[in-house]
């Protein structure tokens, strides 16, 4: 089945450069223009949270170079328009996901305005930032069930990459085996709700938001791919060379915002929720102490390796040709700005998965050693729970406890993001069986 629309990323990038926004030319005088995606909460340390904390403005003020800087923050829904503005010379620094970063690299080189990946915002080493969801009452239970169905995604995004890879592993041709609807995340969410799409493959925070609202349920956990997904910061090469101190000031500010998020995850979630209108409970699912995303600015070798593997997906979508990833990645500015802290971050590993409860009215969460312990606590405090989170028993992806698929195996209660992974566990463990969340709570109490 053929796709129903021209790729959004392609349309946005082929717009005449003269039409790419109306802001003043970036990188001139004392104005610095930053492109970010407020609701793509894996980028908050270079966008939403950073802006609310004011750290970049403070770092610029500390330069004492004779300039009074003005920071212009421009908010977008996806990475494609940020790339269009960067190649028009109207955005200096931008944050976006791994697949849009590659398009950013290709488009910058094509137009003679090269860009470079200079730092990472957030990542998941297994791929858990992207999820395929279906309607709450859908009979679909696995990726195999998507054959011949209408699936909404944003072509050129990391979520599309997850969809393509998941279909390939299921033996389904990504081009002919489904009808792919190329839609913005919000449009895709509406299509799923209206029944005009059978499934939706999207990036953080859309799957978690729809699950939290009761408008969707998980069909496929991107972490099943066991391939890193991430978001990062890209900067125009001419801007970086002409104003390295300004770029380094941004990277220092990003590191400050990262430290704030890691030290105050609940407060950070509340700040991001206030700025975006997203529920804080959804923000925390991804950005919390044991959330799906890990935040540090280091450009880890695993992420660069994953980026190289992503090129083939974009080539198959005819969105790019070959991309020299090694020349695109340039962390020299981060190394200079952060010094020993960068080396430390480079060696850091994500915290172990854990179960958490966010009690009503609390400014901190409670961590439990197992899902069983969490369920016991929830059963005893049902009216005082703001949110409860549990890690998938096989992938470690955090999910809402009341939206998870539960399995009982002897005395153990095990949560899973998607039904297929729960069923796979049951098939491999005689005596294990799936149960409802209510049943799981009853057994724990």
Protein backbone atom coordinates (compact mmCIF):
# COMPACT_ATOMS: atom_id res chain seq x y z
CA UNK A 1 0.00 0.00 0.00
CA UNK A 2 1.33 3.42 -0.83
CA UNK A 3 1.84 6.33 1.50
CA UNK A 4 -0.85 8.96 1.57
CA UNK A 5 1.25 12.11 1.81
CA UNK A 6 4.54 13.68 0.80
CA UNK A 7 7.00 13.43 3.74
CA UNK A 8 6.63 16.39 6.08
CA UNK A 9 10.37 16.64 6.61
CA UNK A 10 10.91 16.84 2.86
CA UNK A 11 8.22 19.48 2.37
CA UNK A 12 9.59 21.64 5.16
CA UNK A 13 13.14 21.41 3.90
CA UNK A 14 12.26 22.17 0.29
CA UNK A 15 10.52 25.44 1.07
CA UNK A 16 12.20 28.46 -0.51
CA UNK A 17 14.75 29.80 1.92
CA UNK A 18 13.30 33.29 1.67
CA UNK A 19 10.11 31.98 3.21
CA UNK A 20 11.78 30.35 6.19
CA UNK A 21 10.51 32.59 8.95
CA UNK A 22 10.46 36.30 9.56
CA UNK A 23 12.90 36.67 12.46
CA UNK A 24 16.02 38.79 12.18
CA UNK A 25 19.13 37.15 10.76
CA UNK A 26 20.62 34.99 13.50
CA UNK A 27 24.26 35.08 14.53
CA UNK A 28 24.57 38.85 14.02
CA UNK A 29 25.41 41.51 16.58
CA UNK A 30 24.42 40.37 20.05
CA UNK A 31 21.35 38.31 19.17
CA UNK A 32 21.41 34.53 19.62
CA UNK A 33 18.50 32.54 18.21
CA UNK A 34 17.70 29.12 19.68
CA UNK A 35 15.30 26.67 18.10
CA UNK A 36 13.71 24.11 20.38
CA UNK A 37 10.71 21.79 20.72
CA UNK A 38 8.91 22.54 23.96
CA UNK A 39 6.80 19.38 24.00
CA UNK A 40 9.58 17.06 22.89
CA UNK A 41 10.60 16.76 26.52
CA UNK A 42 13.75 14.78 25.79
CA UNK A 43 15.27 18.15 24.79
CA UNK A 44 14.26 20.22 27.82
CA UNK A 45 17.83 20.79 29.05
CA UNK A 46 18.48 22.69 25.81
CA UNK A 47 15.00 24.16 25.54
CA UNK A 48 11.96 24.30 27.80
CA UNK A 49 13.64 23.77 31.17
CA UNK A 50 16.74 25.74 30.24
CA UNK A 51 14.63 28.68 29.14
CA UNK A 52 12.59 28.66 32.36
CA UNK A 53 15.72 28.59 34.52
CA UNK A 54 17.45 31.46 32.68
CA UNK A 55 20.86 29.82 32.81
CA UNK A 56 21.85 30.70 29.24
CA UNK A 57 21.17 34.38 29.76
CA UNK A 58 23.20 34.23 32.97
CA UNK A 59 26.13 32.56 31.22
CA UNK A 60 26.05 35.18 28.46
CA UNK A 61 26.07 37.93 31.05
CA UNK A 62 29.16 36.38 32.62
CA UNK A 63 31.16 36.67 29.37
CA UNK A 64 31.93 40.35 29.99
CA UNK A 65 32.91 40.79 26.35
CA UNK A 66 31.30 44.17 25.82
CA UNK A 67 28.05 42.77 24.39
CA UNK A 68 24.57 42.86 25.87
CA UNK A 69 23.05 39.69 24.50
CA UNK A 70 19.47 39.07 23.49
CA UNK A 71 18.29 35.47 23.32
CA UNK A 72 15.42 34.69 20.93
CA UNK A 73 13.72 31.36 21.71
CA UNK A 74 11.73 29.84 18.84
CA UNK A 75 9.44 26.89 19.59
CA UNK A 76 8.55 24.24 17.00
CA UNK A 77 6.66 20.94 16.98
CA UNK A 78 9.34 18.98 15.10
CA UNK A 79 12.95 19.27 13.99
CA UNK A 80 12.31 19.91 10.28
CA UNK A 81 11.42 23.62 10.56
CA UNK A 82 14.41 24.17 12.86
CA UNK A 83 16.65 22.77 10.13
CA UNK A 84 14.96 24.99 7.54
CA UNK A 85 15.62 28.04 9.70
CA UNK A 86 19.22 27.02 10.39
CA UNK A 87 20.03 26.57 6.72
CA UNK A 88 18.49 29.99 6.10
CA UNK A 89 20.88 31.43 8.68
CA UNK A 90 18.04 32.35 11.02
CA UNK A 91 18.67 29.91 13.89
CA UNK A 92 22.10 29.51 15.48
CA UNK A 93 21.50 26.54 17.79
CA UNK A 94 18.77 23.91 17.62
CA UNK A 95 17.75 20.68 19.36
CA UNK A 96 16.11 17.69 17.69
CA UNK A 97 15.98 13.90 17.51
CA UNK A 98 18.50 11.55 15.93
CA UNK A 99 16.79 11.12 12.54
CA UNK A 100 16.08 14.88 12.10
CA UNK A 101 19.72 15.49 13.07
CA UNK A 102 20.84 13.47 10.06
CA UNK A 103 18.53 15.45 7.79
CA UNK A 104 19.98 18.58 9.40
CA UNK A 105 23.47 17.37 8.50
CA UNK A 106 22.53 16.50 4.94
CA UNK A 107 20.61 19.70 4.27
CA UNK A 108 23.31 21.91 5.77
CA UNK A 109 25.99 20.36 3.59
CA UNK A 110 23.78 20.52 0.51
CA UNK A 111 23.14 24.25 0.94
CA UNK A 112 26.67 25.18 1.93
CA UNK A 113 25.64 25.94 5.54
CA UNK A 114 27.15 22.98 7.41
CA UNK A 115 25.97 22.16 10.90
CA UNK A 116 27.42 19.99 13.64
CA UNK A 117 26.08 17.86 16.47
CA UNK A 118 27.75 19.43 19.51
CA UNK A 119 26.09 17.77 22.53
CA UNK A 120 23.37 15.33 23.56
CA UNK A 121 20.28 16.25 25.57
CA UNK A 122 18.56 12.95 26.50
CA UNK A 123 18.81 9.35 25.38
CA UNK A 124 17.67 5.78 25.93
CA UNK A 125 20.26 3.16 25.10
CA UNK A 126 17.66 0.54 24.15
CA UNK A 127 15.29 2.76 22.13
CA UNK A 128 12.48 3.21 24.65
CA UNK A 129 11.81 6.84 23.70
CA UNK A 130 9.61 5.73 20.78
CA UNK A 131 6.44 3.65 21.12
CA UNK A 132 3.75 2.32 18.81
CA UNK A 133 0.28 2.65 20.33
CA UNK A 134 -3.25 1.66 19.35
CA UNK A 135 -6.73 2.69 20.47
CA UNK A 136 -7.74 1.50 23.97
CA UNK A 137 -10.33 -0.91 22.57
CA UNK A 138 -8.19 -2.14 19.67
CA UNK A 139 -7.92 -5.88 19.02
CA UNK A 140 -4.38 -5.46 17.68
CA UNK A 141 -1.86 -7.13 19.99
CA UNK A 142 1.44 -7.22 18.07
CA UNK A 143 3.35 -5.58 15.24
CA UNK A 144 2.38 -8.51 13.01
CA UNK A 145 -1.24 -7.34 13.32
CA UNK A 146 -0.35 -4.06 11.59
CA UNK A 147 -0.13 -5.71 8.17
CA UNK A 148 -2.59 -4.01 5.84
CA UNK A 149 -3.47 -1.38 8.48
CA UNK A 150 -3.26 2.41 8.52
CA UNK A 151 -0.42 3.59 10.73
CA UNK A 152 0.27 7.25 11.51
CA UNK A 153 3.81 8.52 12.01
CA UNK A 154 6.01 11.47 11.08
CA UNK A 155 8.23 10.40 8.20
CA UNK A 156 11.85 11.33 8.83
CA UNK A 157 11.44 11.15 12.60
CA UNK A 158 12.94 8.67 15.05
CA UNK A 159 9.44 7.27 15.61
CA UNK A 160 9.21 6.45 11.92
CA UNK A 161 12.57 4.72 12.21
CA UNK A 162 11.22 2.60 15.06
CA UNK A 163 8.16 1.71 12.99
CA UNK A 164 10.25 0.72 9.97
CA UNK A 165 12.60 -1.45 12.01
CA UNK A 166 9.76 -3.08 13.97
CA UNK A 167 7.94 -3.95 10.73
CA UNK A 168 11.10 -5.33 9.15
CA UNK A 169 11.71 -7.59 12.14
CA UNK A 170 8.12 -8.79 11.88
CA UNK A 171 8.63 -9.65 8.22
CA UNK A 172 6.42 -6.83 6.92
CA UNK A 173 7.53 -4.56 4.09
CA UNK A 174 7.46 -1.00 5.57
CA UNK A 175 6.54 0.46 2.17
CA UNK A 176 3.96 -2.01 0.90
CA UNK A 177 2.80 -3.91 3.97
CA UNK A 178 1.00 -1.01 5.67
CA UNK A 179 -0.64 2.26 4.66
CA UNK A 180 1.59 4.85 6.23
CA UNK A 181 -0.05 8.16 7.14
CA UNK A 182 2.55 10.92 7.28
CA UNK A 183 1.21 13.23 10.00
CA UNK A 184 2.32 15.63 12.70
CA UNK A 185 2.09 14.00 16.17
CA UNK A 186 -1.03 15.93 17.20
CA UNK A 187 -2.77 15.12 13.90
CA UNK A 188 -1.86 11.46 14.27
CA UNK A 189 -3.23 11.41 17.81
CA UNK A 190 -6.52 12.81 16.51
CA UNK A 191 -6.57 10.26 13.69
CA UNK A 192 -6.12 7.43 16.18
CA UNK A 193 -8.92 8.81 18.34
CA UNK A 194 -11.22 9.19 15.34
CA UNK A 195 -10.50 5.69 14.07
CA UNK A 196 -8.96 6.86 10.79
CA UNK A 197 -5.63 5.38 11.91
CA UNK A 198 -5.25 1.90 13.39
CA UNK A 199 -2.00 2.69 15.17
CA UNK A 200 0.35 5.57 15.91
CA UNK A 201 4.16 5.45 16.09
CA UNK A 202 5.51 8.54 17.82
CA UNK A 203 8.30 9.93 19.95
CA UNK A 204 8.42 11.27 23.48
CA UNK A 205 6.05 12.42 25.00
CA UNK A 206 3.07 11.50 22.78
CA UNK A 207 2.75 7.77 23.55
CA UNK A 208 2.95 8.34 27.30
CA UNK A 209 0.52 11.25 27.10
CA UNK A 210 -2.10 9.29 25.18
CA UNK A 211 -1.73 6.29 27.50
CA UNK A 212 -2.06 8.54 30.56
CA UNK A 213 -5.20 10.13 29.12
CA UNK A 214 -6.71 6.71 28.42
CA UNK A 215 -6.74 7.45 24.68
CA UNK A 216 -4.25 4.75 23.68
CA UNK A 217 -2.48 1.61 24.81
CA UNK A 218 1.00 0.43 23.94
CA UNK A 219 1.43 -2.06 21.11
CA UNK A 220 5.22 -2.02 20.74
CA UNK A 221 7.97 -0.85 23.10
CA UNK A 222 10.78 0.72 21.05
CA UNK A 223 13.28 -0.72 23.52
CA UNK A 224 12.59 -4.13 21.99
CA UNK A 225 14.90 -3.00 19.18
CA UNK A 226 17.76 -2.62 21.66
CA UNK A 227 19.18 0.26 19.61
CA UNK A 228 19.86 3.70 21.16
CA UNK A 229 17.59 6.64 20.44
CA UNK A 230 18.43 10.18 21.49
CA UNK A 231 18.00 13.91 21.00
CA UNK A 232 20.86 16.35 20.69
CA UNK A 233 22.02 19.88 20.03
CA UNK A 234 23.14 21.05 16.61
CA UNK A 235 24.84 24.33 15.76
CA UNK A 236 25.70 26.08 12.52
CA UNK A 237 29.38 25.72 11.72
CA UNK A 238 29.84 29.41 10.88
CA UNK A 239 28.20 30.45 14.14
CA UNK A 240 30.38 28.08 16.17
CA UNK A 241 33.57 29.34 14.53
CA UNK A 242 32.68 33.02 14.73
CA UNK A 243 31.24 32.98 18.26
CA UNK A 244 32.72 29.98 20.10
CA UNK A 245 32.40 31.64 23.51
CA UNK A 246 28.64 32.03 23.00
CA UNK A 247 28.25 28.38 22.02
CA UNK A 248 30.33 27.32 25.02
CA UNK A 249 28.13 29.52 27.24
CA UNK A 250 25.10 27.63 25.94
CA UNK A 251 26.75 24.28 26.63
CA UNK A 252 27.62 25.34 30.17
CA UNK A 253 24.03 26.43 30.67
CA UNK A 254 22.76 23.13 29.27
CA UNK A 255 24.98 21.28 31.75
CA UNK A 256 23.54 23.41 34.57
CA UNK A 257 20.00 22.58 33.47
CA UNK A 258 20.95 18.90 33.30
CA UNK A 259 22.30 19.02 36.84
CA UNK A 260 19.11 20.72 37.99
CA UNK A 261 16.91 18.08 36.34
CA UNK A 262 18.91 15.22 37.84
CA UNK A 263 18.99 16.78 41.31
CA UNK A 264 15.36 17.97 41.33
CA UNK A 265 13.43 15.66 38.96
CA UNK A 266 9.99 16.38 40.43
CA UNK A 267 10.49 20.15 40.44
CA UNK A 268 11.86 19.96 36.89
CA UNK A 269 8.83 17.97 35.77
CA UNK A 270 6.52 20.58 37.29
CA UNK A 271 8.39 23.40 35.53
CA UNK A 272 8.21 21.66 32.16
CA UNK A 273 4.54 20.84 32.72
CA UNK A 274 3.76 24.48 33.49
CA UNK A 275 5.57 25.67 30.36
CA UNK A 276 4.10 23.09 27.98
CA UNK A 277 0.66 22.22 29.32
CA UNK A 278 1.66 18.55 29.50
CA UNK A 279 0.66 16.69 32.67
CA UNK A 280 3.60 16.60 35.09
CA UNK A 281 2.96 12.87 35.55
CA UNK A 282 3.72 12.32 31.85
CA UNK A 283 6.82 14.51 31.94
CA UNK A 284 8.10 12.52 34.91
CA UNK A 285 7.54 9.22 33.09
CA UNK A 286 10.26 10.25 30.67
CA UNK A 287 12.36 12.74 32.63
CA UNK A 288 12.12 11.40 36.19
CA UNK A 289 14.80 9.89 38.40
CA UNK A 290 14.29 6.48 36.76
CA UNK A 291 12.52 7.78 33.67
CA UNK A 292 12.74 6.47 30.14
CA UNK A 293 15.27 9.16 29.25
CA UNK A 294 18.76 9.67 30.67
CA UNK A 295 20.16 13.19 30.57
CA UNK A 296 23.79 14.16 30.13
CA UNK A 297 25.46 16.16 27.35
CA UNK A 298 28.23 13.70 26.42
CA UNK A 299 28.26 12.40 22.85
CA UNK A 300 28.72 8.72 23.67
CA UNK A 301 30.19 6.29 21.13
CA UNK A 302 27.03 4.12 21.34
CA UNK A 303 24.94 7.07 20.17
CA UNK A 304 27.24 7.88 17.27
CA UNK A 305 27.18 4.22 16.25
CA UNK A 306 23.36 4.22 16.33
CA UNK A 307 23.29 7.40 14.25
CA UNK A 308 25.36 5.69 11.56
CA UNK A 309 22.87 2.82 11.48
CA UNK A 310 20.00 5.29 11.11
CA UNK A 311 21.33 6.58 7.79
CA UNK A 312 20.11 3.50 5.93
CA UNK A 313 16.53 4.09 7.11
CA UNK A 314 16.51 7.67 5.81
CA UNK A 315 18.05 6.54 2.52
CA UNK A 316 15.29 3.95 2.13
CA UNK A 317 12.74 6.74 2.69
CA UNK A 318 14.58 8.77 0.01
CA UNK A 319 15.06 11.63 2.48
CA UNK A 320 18.86 11.70 2.32
CA UNK A 321 21.81 10.13 0.56
CA UNK A 322 25.00 9.09 2.28
CA UNK A 323 25.95 11.13 5.35
CA UNK A 324 29.41 11.48 6.86
CA UNK A 325 28.40 11.10 10.51
CA UNK A 326 31.96 11.38 11.81
CA UNK A 327 32.41 14.84 10.28
CA UNK A 328 28.96 15.92 11.48
CA UNK A 329 29.71 15.06 15.13
CA UNK A 330 31.89 17.69 16.79
CA UNK A 331 32.03 17.73 20.58
CA UNK A 332 35.13 19.93 20.88
CA UNK A 333 33.10 22.86 22.20
CA UNK A 334 31.44 20.72 24.88
CA UNK A 335 34.78 19.29 25.94
CA UNK A 336 36.23 22.78 26.28
CA UNK A 337 33.19 24.18 28.07
CA UNK A 338 32.67 21.32 30.54
CA UNK A 339 36.24 20.04 30.95
CA UNK A 340 36.49 17.16 33.45
CA UNK A 341 32.71 17.02 33.84
CA UNK A 342 32.45 16.02 30.18
CA UNK A 343 34.85 13.12 30.68
CA UNK A 344 32.80 12.01 33.67
CA UNK A 345 29.56 12.19 31.70
CA UNK A 346 31.12 10.25 28.85
CA UNK A 347 31.74 7.33 31.20
CA UNK A 348 28.40 7.59 32.99
CA UNK A 349 25.74 4.90 32.61
CA UNK A 350 21.96 5.18 33.05
CA UNK A 351 20.63 4.51 36.56
CA UNK A 352 19.13 1.07 37.10
CA UNK A 353 15.41 0.69 36.44
CA UNK A 354 13.21 1.05 39.51
CA UNK A 355 9.57 1.28 40.53
CA UNK A 356 8.39 4.67 41.77
CA UNK A 357 5.29 6.18 43.33
CA UNK A 358 4.48 9.89 43.27
CA UNK A 359 2.25 10.45 46.31
CA UNK A 360 -0.40 13.16 46.05
CA UNK A 361 0.94 16.48 47.30
CA UNK A 362 4.50 15.21 47.63
CA UNK A 363 7.56 17.02 46.31
CA UNK A 364 9.53 13.79 46.05
CA UNK A 365 8.75 10.26 44.88
CA UNK A 366 9.15 6.94 46.68
CA UNK A 367 11.32 4.22 45.14
CA UNK A 368 10.71 0.50 45.59
CA UNK A 369 12.94 -2.50 45.06
CA UNK A 370 10.34 -4.39 43.04
CA UNK A 371 6.97 -3.96 41.32
CA UNK A 372 5.49 -6.24 44.02
CA UNK A 373 6.50 -3.75 46.72
CA UNK A 374 5.10 -0.86 44.72
CA UNK A 375 1.78 -2.63 44.23
CA UNK A 376 1.54 -3.37 47.94
CA UNK A 377 2.08 0.31 48.73
CA UNK A 378 -0.43 1.44 46.10
CA UNK A 379 -3.04 -1.02 47.40
CA UNK A 380 -2.71 0.50 50.86
CA UNK A 381 -2.78 4.15 49.67
CA UNK A 382 -5.14 4.06 46.70
CA UNK A 383 -6.59 7.53 47.27
CA UNK A 384 -3.21 9.17 47.79
CA UNK A 385 -1.39 8.20 44.61
CA UNK A 386 -0.68 10.82 41.98
CA UNK A 387 1.17 8.37 39.69
CA UNK A 388 2.83 4.97 39.91
CA UNK A 389 5.58 3.83 37.54
CA UNK A 390 7.05 0.38 36.90
CA UNK A 391 9.86 -0.81 34.57
CA UNK A 392 9.15 -3.40 31.89
CA UNK A 393 10.44 -6.75 33.16
CA UNK A 394 12.44 -7.38 29.98
CA UNK A 395 13.34 -3.98 28.48
CA UNK A 396 13.42 -1.79 31.60
CA UNK A 397 11.21 0.86 29.94
CA UNK A 398 9.25 2.76 32.58
CA UNK A 399 5.47 2.79 32.18
CA UNK A 400 2.39 3.72 34.19
CA UNK A 401 1.54 0.85 36.53
CA UNK A 402 -2.17 1.04 35.75
CA UNK A 403 -1.48 0.99 31.99
CA UNK A 404 1.03 -1.87 32.04
CA UNK A 405 0.42 -5.48 31.02
CA UNK A 406 0.77 -7.64 34.15
CA UNK A 407 1.94 -11.23 34.47
CA UNK A 408 1.86 -13.45 37.55
CA UNK A 409 4.66 -16.01 37.72
CA UNK A 410 4.46 -17.94 40.97
CA UNK A 411 4.71 -15.31 43.69
CA UNK A 412 6.13 -12.67 41.34
CA UNK A 413 4.15 -9.88 39.69
CA UNK A 414 5.81 -8.63 36.52
CA UNK A 415 4.91 -5.56 34.43
CA UNK A 416 5.35 -5.13 30.67
CA UNK A 417 4.77 -2.15 28.39
CA UNK A 418 3.25 -4.11 25.49
CA UNK A 419 1.08 -7.23 25.26
CA UNK A 420 3.47 -9.02 22.90
CA UNK A 421 6.35 -8.87 25.38
CA UNK A 422 4.07 -10.08 28.16
CA UNK A 423 2.92 -12.98 26.01
CA UNK A 424 6.50 -13.81 25.07
CA UNK A 425 7.37 -14.07 28.75
CA UNK A 426 4.35 -16.27 29.45
CA UNK A 427 5.26 -18.56 26.56
CA UNK A 428 8.77 -19.00 27.94
CA UNK A 429 7.70 -19.57 31.56
CA UNK A 430 5.28 -22.47 32.17
CA UNK A 431 2.69 -21.56 34.77
CA UNK A 432 2.94 -17.81 34.17
CA UNK A 433 -0.17 -16.00 32.93
CA UNK A 434 -1.42 -12.49 32.25
CA UNK A 435 -3.69 -10.79 34.77
CA UNK A 436 -5.42 -7.42 35.09
CA UNK A 437 -3.99 -4.50 37.04
CA UNK A 438 -6.84 -4.83 39.53
CA UNK A 439 -5.96 -8.48 40.04
CA UNK A 440 -2.29 -7.59 40.49
CA UNK A 441 -3.21 -5.03 43.16
CA UNK A 442 -5.42 -7.58 44.89
CA UNK A 443 -2.64 -10.17 44.95
CA UNK A 444 -0.16 -7.63 46.35
CA UNK A 445 -2.47 -6.46 49.14
